[in-house]
Amino acid sequence: MYLLSLIIILSYIVGSIPTGLLVGRWFKGIDIRRHGSGNIGSTNVMRTLGWKLGLLVQTGDIAKGLFAVLVIARLHYGDFPFTNRTPFDDITIVQIIAGAAAVIGHIFSVFLNFRGGKGINTAAGMLVGIAPIDISIAVIVFVIVLLSTGYVSLGSLSAATAFPTTMFIRFNVFNVDIPSYHTLILFSIATTLLLYYAHRSNIRRLLAGQENRFNRVKLFGKKMGSSMKTFLF
């Protein structure tokens, strides 16, 4: 139990590292929270400081989720402290717990008075190590929505929704054998709900037609107006 607690704490701390804030200070000498939307995520960094630094932040945030799953979780050895009733081996359960702790750390950073980013990139990094096929489809959905609308937040929410939906369809419609599907689908739904909670302010702006848009990446599709509310709900 002590070792699992240590893994959760370390994963949370890694997830809490404010990549966007550090990049803004190191490269431009600014506090990114005082610019643009005030968010420390890669979208605000990209919009405020350029795509190169935005990509650097995005890579760093994804790496936090991957590091928790592939490195910190591997600190576990011996028997799992609880009865494992899933088809997963113990290390996979530990990876899920470590990844979730990293995402929570990103959203509620201990270094920023329990405030932080939206968690999409860190969640993506976590899920790459756990469910690569489903997260790959979710990434494709993100790109399509982003290029259709120019809204990063809408793309992120769509991808978050696509992840459990893809898993559900693969298992129930195409009869794909997904080990411990019932455990994974509940975990993915919980992750999606957490990401929706982190994006609650974006959802309000989308519904009000006030969300910031990347017009340069909007390759097709008409400007979204009253249909936004219908799309979201």
Foldseek 3Di string as FASTA:
>chain_A
DVLLVVLLVVLLQLLLPLLQQVLCCVPPNDRLLVDDPNASALVSCCVPVNNVSSVVRLVSLLVSLQCSQPPSLVVDDDDDPDDDPFPDDPSLVSLLSSLVSSLQSQQQPPVPNGHHHLSLSSNLSSVCSRPVVLLVVLVVQLLVVCQAAQANLVSSLSSLVSRLVVLCCCCPPVVDDDGRSVVVSVSSVVVSVSSCVSCVVVLVCQCVVNGDGRPVSHNHYDHDDNCSVVVVD
